[in-house]
Amino acid sequence: MIEPEKAVEIVKEYLDRNKITDVTVLERVQTATEIIPHGAMKGKELTVHTVCYEDNYLYVTSAVFITINAEDGTLLYGINSTRFFEFDE
């Protein structure tokens, strides 16, 4: 199982690889066991870490939540106020 600090590093690496800038990654990580609602692992019960980053716009800050498999560090899915997205990695 990966530590919550490693989950933050994985999200930062994802943002760097995809050239997503002007964001703030929060160091607080939520760890839970849940049934995965989306993607290839849909329906499986996994322990996950959820990391939040904030998109910093001129007048608005928008939160994006990235859920990671706590066992192996695989990016599972992300969600924000307008959409759900899966990772192709």
N, C-alpha and C. Protein backbone atom coordinates (compact mmCIF):
# COMPACT_ATOMS: atom_id res chain seq x y z
N MET A 1 0.85 -1.17 0.00
CA MET A 1 0.00 0.00 0.00
C MET A 1 0.90 1.24 0.00
N ILE A 2 0.51 2.22 -0.80
CA ILE A 2 1.30 3.45 -0.86
C ILE A 2 0.83 4.40 0.24
N GLU A 3 1.72 5.24 0.67
CA GLU A 3 1.42 6.24 1.70
C GLU A 3 0.69 7.42 1.05
N PRO A 4 -0.10 8.16 1.84
CA PRO A 4 -0.80 9.34 1.31
C PRO A 4 0.15 10.36 0.66
N GLU A 5 1.35 10.51 1.21
CA GLU A 5 2.32 11.45 0.64
C GLU A 5 2.70 11.04 -0.78
N LYS A 6 2.80 9.74 -1.02
CA LYS A 6 3.12 9.23 -2.36
C LYS A 6 1.98 9.52 -3.32
N ALA A 7 0.74 9.46 -2.84
CA ALA A 7 -0.42 9.78 -3.69
C ALA A 7 -0.34 11.23 -4.18
N VAL A 8 0.08 12.13 -3.31
CA VAL A 8 0.25 13.54 -3.70
C VAL A 8 1.32 13.64 -4.78
N GLU A 9 2.42 12.92 -4.63
CA GLU A 9 3.49 12.93 -5.62
C GLU A 9 2.99 12.40 -6.97
N ILE A 10 2.18 11.34 -6.95
CA ILE A 10 1.64 10.77 -8.19
C ILE A 10 0.78 11.80 -8.91
N VAL A 11 -0.05 12.52 -8.19
CA VAL A 11 -0.89 13.55 -8.80
C VAL A 11 -0.03 14.67 -9.38
N LYS A 12 1.00 15.09 -8.65
CA LYS A 12 1.89 16.14 -9.16
C LYS A 12 2.60 15.69 -10.43
N GLU A 13 3.03 14.43 -10.47
CA GLU A 13 3.67 13.89 -11.68
C GLU A 13 2.70 13.88 -12.85
N TYR A 14 1.46 13.49 -12.60
CA TYR A 14 0.43 13.49 -13.64
C TYR A 14 0.23 14.90 -14.20
N LEU A 15 0.13 15.89 -13.31
CA LEU A 15 -0.06 17.27 -13.74
C LEU A 15 1.13 17.75 -14.56
N ASP A 16 2.34 17.41 -14.14
CA ASP A 16 3.54 17.81 -14.89
C ASP A 16 3.57 17.17 -16.28
N ARG A 17 3.29 15.86 -16.34
CA ARG A 17 3.30 15.15 -17.64
C ARG A 17 2.30 15.74 -18.62
N ASN A 18 1.18 16.20 -18.10
CA ASN A 18 0.12 16.72 -18.96
C ASN A 18 0.14 18.24 -19.07
N LYS A 19 1.21 18.84 -18.57
CA LYS A 19 1.41 20.29 -18.67
C LYS A 19 0.21 21.08 -18.13
N ILE A 20 -0.32 20.61 -17.01
CA ILE A 20 -1.41 21.31 -16.33
C ILE A 20 -0.76 22.23 -15.31
N THR A 21 -0.89 23.53 -15.54
CA THR A 21 -0.22 24.52 -14.71
C THR A 21 -1.24 25.41 -14.01
N ASP A 22 -0.75 26.33 -13.23
CA ASP A 22 -1.60 27.26 -12.47
C ASP A 22 -2.58 26.53 -11.57
N VAL A 23 -2.09 25.48 -10.91
CA VAL A 23 -2.91 24.72 -9.97
C VAL A 23 -2.19 24.65 -8.63
N THR A 24 -2.97 24.39 -7.59
CA THR A 24 -2.43 24.18 -6.26
C THR A 24 -2.85 22.79 -5.80
N VAL A 25 -1.88 21.92 -5.54
CA VAL A 25 -2.18 20.57 -5.06
C VAL A 25 -2.24 20.63 -3.54
N LEU A 26 -3.35 20.19 -2.98
CA LEU A 26 -3.50 20.20 -1.53
C LEU A 26 -2.83 18.97 -0.93
N GLU A 27 -2.18 19.14 0.18
CA GLU A 27 -1.42 18.06 0.82
C GLU A 27 -2.31 17.12 1.63
N ARG A 28 -3.53 17.52 1.88
CA ARG A 28 -4.45 16.68 2.67
C ARG A 28 -5.05 15.61 1.76
N VAL A 29 -4.94 14.36 2.19
CA VAL A 29 -5.41 13.22 1.39
C VAL A 29 -6.47 12.48 2.17
N GLN A 30 -7.56 12.14 1.48
CA GLN A 30 -8.61 11.33 2.11
C GLN A 30 -8.40 9.88 1.69
N THR A 31 -8.34 8.98 2.66
CA THR A 31 -8.19 7.55 2.40
C THR A 31 -9.47 6.85 2.84
N ALA A 32 -9.98 5.98 1.96
CA ALA A 32 -11.23 5.28 2.26
C ALA A 32 -11.28 3.98 1.48
N THR A 33 -12.15 3.09 1.93
CA THR A 33 -12.45 1.89 1.16
C THR A 33 -13.82 2.13 0.54
N GLU A 34 -13.88 2.01 -0.79
CA GLU A 34 -15.15 2.30 -1.48
C GLU A 34 -15.32 1.39 -2.68
N ILE A 35 -16.55 1.31 -3.12
CA ILE A 35 -16.86 0.60 -4.36
C ILE A 35 -16.68 1.61 -5.48
N ILE A 36 -15.84 1.29 -6.43
CA ILE A 36 -15.48 2.22 -7.50
C ILE A 36 -16.69 2.44 -8.41
N PRO A 37 -17.11 3.72 -8.59
CA PRO A 37 -18.31 4.00 -9.36
C PRO A 37 -18.10 4.16 -10.86
N HIS A 38 -16.84 4.29 -11.31
CA HIS A 38 -16.57 4.58 -12.72
C HIS A 38 -15.36 3.82 -13.22
N GLY A 39 -15.24 3.73 -14.52
CA GLY A 39 -14.03 3.25 -15.16
C GLY A 39 -13.86 1.75 -15.20
N ALA A 40 -12.64 1.33 -15.52
CA ALA A 40 -12.33 -0.08 -15.71
C ALA A 40 -12.51 -0.90 -14.43
N MET A 41 -12.34 -0.29 -13.28
CA MET A 41 -12.46 -0.99 -11.99
C MET A 41 -13.86 -0.85 -11.40
N LYS A 42 -14.82 -0.37 -12.19
CA LYS A 42 -16.18 -0.14 -11.71
C LYS A 42 -16.73 -1.38 -11.00
N GLY A 43 -17.29 -1.15 -9.80
CA GLY A 43 -17.91 -2.22 -9.04
C GLY A 43 -16.99 -2.94 -8.06
N LYS A 44 -15.68 -2.73 -8.18
CA LYS A 44 -14.74 -3.38 -7.28
C LYS A 44 -14.59 -2.55 -6.01
N GLU A 45 -14.40 -3.23 -4.90
CA GLU A 45 -14.18 -2.55 -3.63
C GLU A 45 -12.67 -2.41 -3.43
N LEU A 46 -12.20 -1.16 -3.35
CA LEU A 46 -10.78 -0.88 -3.22
C LEU A 46 -10.53 0.15 -2.13
N THR A 47 -9.34 0.12 -1.59
CA THR A 47 -8.88 1.20 -0.73
C THR A 47 -8.26 2.23 -1.65
N VAL A 48 -8.70 3.48 -1.50
CA VAL A 48 -8.25 4.55 -2.39
C VAL A 48 -7.78 5.76 -1.60
N HIS A 49 -6.92 6.54 -2.25
CA HIS A 49 -6.55 7.86 -1.76
C HIS A 49 -7.16 8.87 -2.73
N THR A 50 -7.75 9.92 -2.20
CA THR A 50 -8.28 10.99 -3.03
C THR A 50 -7.50 12.26 -2.72
N VAL A 51 -6.96 12.85 -3.79
CA VAL A 51 -6.15 14.07 -3.70
C VAL A 51 -6.89 15.17 -4.44
N CYS A 52 -6.89 16.35 -3.87
CA CYS A 52 -7.56 17.50 -4.49
C CYS A 52 -6.52 18.48 -5.01
N TYR A 53 -6.78 19.01 -6.19
CA TYR A 53 -6.01 20.16 -6.64
C TYR A 53 -6.98 21.24 -7.07
N GLU A 54 -6.55 22.46 -6.99
CA GLU A 54 -7.40 23.60 -7.32
C GLU A 54 -6.89 24.28 -8.58
N ASP A 55 -7.79 24.44 -9.55
CA ASP A 55 -7.51 25.25 -10.74
C ASP A 55 -7.68 26.70 -10.33
N ASN A 56 -6.67 27.48 -10.57
CA ASN A 56 -6.72 28.89 -10.18
C ASN A 56 -7.04 29.75 -11.40
N TYR A 57 -8.29 30.20 -11.47
CA TYR A 57 -8.71 31.09 -12.53
C TYR A 57 -8.70 32.52 -12.00
N LEU A 58 -8.96 33.46 -12.87
CA LEU A 58 -8.87 34.86 -12.50
C LEU A 58 -9.77 35.20 -11.31
N TYR A 59 -11.03 34.79 -11.36
CA TYR A 59 -11.97 35.14 -10.29
C TYR A 59 -12.52 33.95 -9.53
N VAL A 60 -12.21 32.74 -9.99
CA VAL A 60 -12.81 31.54 -9.42
C VAL A 60 -11.73 30.48 -9.20
N THR A 61 -11.87 29.71 -8.14
CA THR A 61 -11.02 28.55 -7.91
C THR A 61 -11.92 27.32 -8.01
N SER A 62 -11.52 26.37 -8.83
CA SER A 62 -12.31 25.16 -9.07
C SER A 62 -11.55 23.95 -8.54
N ALA A 63 -12.20 23.12 -7.74
CA ALA A 63 -11.57 21.93 -7.18
C ALA A 63 -11.72 20.73 -8.12
N VAL A 64 -10.65 19.95 -8.23
CA VAL A 64 -10.64 18.71 -8.99
C VAL A 64 -10.14 17.62 -8.05
N PHE A 65 -10.88 16.52 -7.98
CA PHE A 65 -10.53 15.41 -7.09
C PHE A 65 -10.04 14.23 -7.92
N ILE A 66 -8.84 13.75 -7.61
CA ILE A 66 -8.24 12.61 -8.31
C ILE A 66 -8.23 11.43 -7.34
N THR A 67 -8.78 10.29 -7.77
CA THR A 67 -8.83 9.10 -6.94
C THR A 67 -7.80 8.10 -7.45
N ILE A 68 -7.01 7.58 -6.52
CA ILE A 68 -5.87 6.71 -6.82
C ILE A 68 -6.04 5.40 -6.04
N ASN A 69 -5.73 4.28 -6.69
CA ASN A 69 -5.72 2.98 -6.01
C ASN A 69 -4.60 3.00 -4.97
N ALA A 70 -4.94 2.82 -3.71
CA ALA A 70 -3.96 2.89 -2.63
C ALA A 70 -3.03 1.68 -2.60
N GLU A 71 -3.39 0.61 -3.29
CA GLU A 71 -2.54 -0.58 -3.30
C GLU A 71 -1.34 -0.42 -4.23
N ASP A 72 -1.58 0.13 -5.44
CA ASP A 72 -0.49 0.19 -6.42
C ASP A 72 -0.24 1.58 -7.01
N GLY A 73 -1.03 2.59 -6.61
CA GLY A 73 -0.80 3.95 -7.10
C GLY A 73 -1.37 4.26 -8.46
N THR A 74 -2.24 3.39 -8.98
CA THR A 74 -2.85 3.61 -10.29
C THR A 74 -3.88 4.73 -10.20
N LEU A 75 -3.82 5.66 -11.16
CA LEU A 75 -4.84 6.70 -11.26
C LEU A 75 -6.14 6.05 -11.72
N LEU A 76 -7.21 6.22 -10.97
CA LEU A 76 -8.48 5.58 -11.32
C LEU A 76 -9.41 6.53 -12.06
N TYR A 77 -9.76 7.66 -11.45
CA TYR A 77 -10.64 8.62 -12.10
C TYR A 77 -10.54 9.96 -11.41
N GLY A 78 -11.07 10.96 -12.08
CA GLY A 78 -11.11 12.30 -11.53
C GLY A 78 -12.51 12.85 -11.67
N ILE A 79 -12.81 13.84 -10.85
CA ILE A 79 -14.13 14.46 -10.91
C ILE A 79 -14.01 15.91 -10.46
N ASN A 80 -14.79 16.76 -11.13
CA ASN A 80 -14.88 18.15 -10.69
C ASN A 80 -16.35 18.55 -10.70
N SER A 81 -16.65 19.81 -10.63
CA SER A 81 -18.04 20.23 -10.51
C SER A 81 -18.85 20.01 -11.78
N THR A 82 -18.20 19.79 -12.91
CA THR A 82 -18.93 19.66 -14.16
C THR A 82 -18.80 18.31 -14.86
N ARG A 83 -17.80 17.52 -14.49
CA ARG A 83 -17.63 16.26 -15.22
C ARG A 83 -16.81 15.23 -14.46
N PHE A 84 -16.92 14.01 -14.95
CA PHE A 84 -16.12 12.88 -14.49
C PHE A 84 -15.14 12.56 -15.62
N PHE A 85 -13.93 12.14 -15.29
CA PHE A 85 -13.00 11.74 -16.34
C PHE A 85 -12.18 10.54 -15.89
N GLU A 86 -11.87 9.67 -16.85
CA GLU A 86 -11.04 8.49 -16.62
C GLU A 86 -9.64 8.77 -17.11
N PHE A 87 -8.68 7.99 -16.63
CA PHE A 87 -7.30 8.13 -17.07
C PHE A 87 -6.96 7.05 -18.07
N ASP A 88 -6.23 7.41 -19.10
CA ASP A 88 -5.84 6.48 -20.15
C ASP A 88 -4.51 5.81 -19.89
N GLU A 89 -3.92 6.10 -18.75
CA GLU A 89 -2.57 5.61 -18.46
C GLU A 89 -2.60 4.17 -18.03
